[in-house]
C-alpha atoms as a PDB file:
ATOM      1  CA  UNK A   1       8.960 -21.473 -25.232  1.00  0.00           C
ATOM      2  CA  UNK A   2       7.767 -22.102 -28.742  1.00  0.00           C
ATOM      3  CA  UNK A   3       8.595 -18.696 -30.093  1.00  0.00           C
ATOM      4  CA  UNK A   4      10.619 -15.564 -29.496  1.00  0.00           C
ATOM      5  CA  UNK A   5       7.580 -13.552 -28.380  1.00  0.00           C
ATOM      6  CA  UNK A   6       6.674 -15.808 -25.445  1.00  0.00           C
ATOM      7  CA  UNK A   7       9.014 -14.063 -23.024  1.00  0.00           C
ATOM      8  CA  UNK A   8       7.770 -10.619 -24.018  1.00  0.00           C
ATOM      9  CA  UNK A   9       4.137 -11.740 -23.738  1.00  0.00           C
ATOM     10  CA  UNK A  10       4.785 -13.117 -20.255  1.00  0.00           C
ATOM     11  CA  UNK A  11       6.466  -9.880 -19.171  1.00  0.00           C
ATOM     12  CA  UNK A  12       3.640  -7.784 -20.611  1.00  0.00           C
ATOM     13  CA  UNK A  13       1.116  -9.946 -18.785  1.00  0.00           C
ATOM     14  CA  UNK A  14       3.032  -9.515 -15.514  1.00  0.00           C
ATOM     15  CA  UNK A  15       3.201  -5.727 -15.975  1.00  0.00           C
ATOM     16  CA  UNK A  16      -0.527  -5.566 -16.689  1.00  0.00           C
ATOM     17  CA  UNK A  17      -1.295  -7.625 -13.572  1.00  0.00           C
ATOM     18  CA  UNK A  18       0.951  -5.352 -11.493  1.00  0.00           C
ATOM     19  CA  UNK A  19      -0.857  -2.254 -12.803  1.00  0.00           C
ATOM     20  CA  UNK A  20      -4.215  -3.805 -11.870  1.00  0.00           C
ATOM     21  CA  UNK A  21      -2.986  -4.505  -8.341  1.00  0.00           C
ATOM     22  CA  UNK A  22      -1.581  -0.991  -7.986  1.00  0.00           C
ATOM     23  CA  UNK A  23      -4.889   0.523  -9.150  1.00  0.00           C
ATOM     24  CA  UNK A  24      -6.752  -1.595  -6.619  1.00  0.00           C
ATOM     25  CA  UNK A  25      -4.513  -0.327  -3.814  1.00  0.00           C
ATOM     26  CA  UNK A  26      -5.222   3.234  -4.905  1.00  0.00           C
ATOM     27  CA  UNK A  27      -3.497   6.513  -4.102  1.00  0.00           C
ATOM     28  CA  UNK A  28      -5.249   7.095  -0.800  1.00  0.00           C
ATOM     29  CA  UNK A  29      -3.656   7.833   2.529  1.00  0.00           C
ATOM     30  CA  UNK A  30      -2.993   5.112   5.070  1.00  0.00           C
ATOM     31  CA  UNK A  31      -2.052   7.674   7.718  1.00  0.00           C
ATOM     32  CA  UNK A  32      -2.749  11.369   7.481  1.00  0.00           C
ATOM     33  CA  UNK A  33      -1.013  14.179   9.330  1.00  0.00           C
ATOM     34  CA  UNK A  34      -3.750  16.181  10.999  1.00  0.00           C
ATOM     35  CA  UNK A  35      -1.641  18.553  13.044  1.00  0.00           C
ATOM     36  CA  UNK A  36       1.619  19.916  11.742  1.00  0.00           C
ATOM     37  CA  UNK A  37       3.952  19.682  14.668  1.00  0.00           C
ATOM     38  CA  UNK A  38       7.248  17.910  15.253  1.00  0.00           C
ATOM     39  CA  UNK A  39       6.896  14.305  16.343  1.00  0.00           C
ATOM     40  CA  UNK A  40       8.276  12.796  19.547  1.00  0.00           C
ATOM     41  CA  UNK A  41      11.209  11.470  17.518  1.00  0.00           C
ATOM     42  CA  UNK A  42      12.220  15.028  16.649  1.00  0.00           C
ATOM     43  CA  UNK A  43      11.469  14.885  12.934  1.00  0.00           C
ATOM     44  CA  UNK A  44       8.603  16.189  10.910  1.00  0.00           C
ATOM     45  CA  UNK A  45       5.755  13.762  10.333  1.00  0.00           C
ATOM     46  CA  UNK A  46       4.814  12.813   6.804  1.00  0.00           C
ATOM     47  CA  UNK A  47       1.625  11.249   5.527  1.00  0.00           C
ATOM     48  CA  UNK A  48       1.843   7.561   4.620  1.00  0.00           C
ATOM     49  CA  UNK A  49       0.210   6.540   1.347  1.00  0.00           C
ATOM     50  CA  UNK A  50      -1.442   3.146   1.052  1.00  0.00           C
ATOM     51  CA  UNK A  51       0.752   2.065  -1.846  1.00  0.00           C
ATOM     52  CA  UNK A  52       3.903   3.168  -0.015  1.00  0.00           C
ATOM     53  CA  UNK A  53       2.778   1.127   2.980  1.00  0.00           C
ATOM     54  CA  UNK A  54       2.133  -2.014   0.908  1.00  0.00           C
ATOM     55  CA  UNK A  55       5.440  -1.641  -0.954  1.00  0.00           C
ATOM     56  CA  UNK A  56       7.403  -1.106   2.275  1.00  0.00           C
ATOM     57  CA  UNK A  57       5.889  -4.121   4.032  1.00  0.00           C
ATOM     58  CA  UNK A  58       5.553  -6.571   1.133  1.00  0.00           C
ATOM     59  CA  UNK A  59       8.607  -5.681  -0.949  1.00  0.00           C
ATOM     60  CA  UNK A  60      10.850  -3.848   1.503  1.00  0.00           C
ATOM     61  CA  UNK A  61      10.288  -6.390   4.301  1.00  0.00           C
ATOM     62  CA  UNK A  62       9.739  -3.605   6.861  1.00  0.00           C
ATOM     63  CA  UNK A  63       7.572  -3.923   9.928  1.00  0.00           C
ATOM     64  CA  UNK A  64       4.888  -1.333  10.651  1.00  0.00           C
ATOM     65  CA  UNK A  65       7.050   0.332  13.329  1.00  0.00           C
ATOM     66  CA  UNK A  66       9.811   0.839  10.756  1.00  0.00           C
ATOM     67  CA  UNK A  67       7.340   2.404   8.322  1.00  0.00           C
ATOM     68  CA  UNK A  68       6.177   4.786  11.043  1.00  0.00           C
ATOM     69  CA  UNK A  69       9.766   5.709  11.963  1.00  0.00           C
ATOM     70  CA  UNK A  70      10.669   6.350   8.332  1.00  0.00           C
ATOM     71  CA  UNK A  71       7.800   8.838   8.084  1.00  0.00           C
ATOM     72  CA  UNK A  72       8.588  10.669  11.345  1.00  0.00           C
ATOM     73  CA  UNK A  73       5.959   9.000  13.537  1.00  0.00           C
ATOM     74  CA  UNK A  74       6.559   7.580  17.004  1.00  0.00           C
ATOM     75  CA  UNK A  75       6.988   3.852  16.232  1.00  0.00           C
ATOM     76  CA  UNK A  76       5.524   2.487  19.479  1.00  0.00           C
ATOM     77  CA  UNK A  77       2.222   4.386  19.457  1.00  0.00           C
ATOM     78  CA  UNK A  78      -0.232   1.473  19.612  1.00  0.00           C
ATOM     79  CA  UNK A  79      -3.179   3.529  18.371  1.00  0.00           C
ATOM     80  CA  UNK A  80      -1.298   4.634  15.269  1.00  0.00           C
ATOM     81  CA  UNK A  81       0.087   1.107  14.754  1.00  0.00           C
ATOM     82  CA  UNK A  82      -3.434  -0.319  14.874  1.00  0.00           C
ATOM     83  CA  UNK A  83      -4.684   2.250  12.338  1.00  0.00           C
ATOM     84  CA  UNK A  84      -1.767   1.447  10.052  1.00  0.00           C
ATOM     85  CA  UNK A  85      -2.419  -2.288  10.397  1.00  0.00           C
ATOM     86  CA  UNK A  86      -6.071  -1.758   9.452  1.00  0.00           C
ATOM     87  CA  UNK A  87      -5.049   0.339   6.444  1.00  0.00           C
ATOM     88  CA  UNK A  88      -2.625  -2.380   5.323  1.00  0.00           C
ATOM     89  CA  UNK A  89      -5.283  -5.086   5.678  1.00  0.00           C
ATOM     90  CA  UNK A  90      -7.756  -2.990   3.689  1.00  0.00           C
ATOM     91  CA  UNK A  91      -5.205  -2.394   0.913  1.00  0.00           C
ATOM     92  CA  UNK A  92      -4.364  -6.111   0.728  1.00  0.00           C
ATOM     93  CA  UNK A  93      -8.075  -6.948   0.592  1.00  0.00           C
ATOM     94  CA  UNK A  94      -8.510  -4.514  -2.291  1.00  0.00           C
ATOM     95  CA  UNK A  95      -5.586  -6.147  -4.088  1.00  0.00           C
ATOM     96  CA  UNK A  96      -7.427  -9.468  -3.883  1.00  0.00           C
ATOM     97  CA  UNK A  97     -10.557  -7.858  -5.271  1.00  0.00           C
ATOM     98  CA  UNK A  98     -12.579  -7.601  -2.069  1.00  0.00           C
ATOM     99  CA  UNK A  99     -14.584  -4.413  -1.896  1.00  0.00           C
ATOM    100  CA  UNK A 100     -14.061  -3.630  -5.580  1.00  0.00           C
ATOM    101  CA  UNK A 101     -17.090  -2.541  -7.514  1.00  0.00           C
ATOM    102  CA  UNK A 102     -18.121  -5.223  -9.995  1.00  0.00           C
ATOM    103  CA  UNK A 103     -20.293  -4.545 -13.042  1.00  0.00           C
ATOM    104  CA  UNK A 104     -23.888  -5.684 -12.742  1.00  0.00           C
ATOM    105  CA  UNK A 105     -25.645  -7.660 -15.468  1.00  0.00           C
ATOM    106  CA  UNK A 106     -28.119  -5.487 -17.293  1.00  0.00           C
ATOM    107  CA  UNK A 107     -31.600  -7.000 -17.838  1.00  0.00           C
END
């Protein structure tokens, strides 16, 4: 770099980009617990947030079955796996900017 502030500027830029991506993912639920009852695995089910799902798959290198198991869901339930896959795809699309509201030009 040409100066001492280049590294800090690059880090700040990376942090800002990460915050934008996290905002695009949102705080919504990828899988909601509708009935409070013990799962087939014997544990209590927990809701799975979209950001938790993206972090587990993209950073934690977990498969969707592992994410389900970690949250008390039966990992081989194909219906739940499909819903989780759709939620992951939607979150990744939002990260890329698809489906985000864009400002319109005013006349």
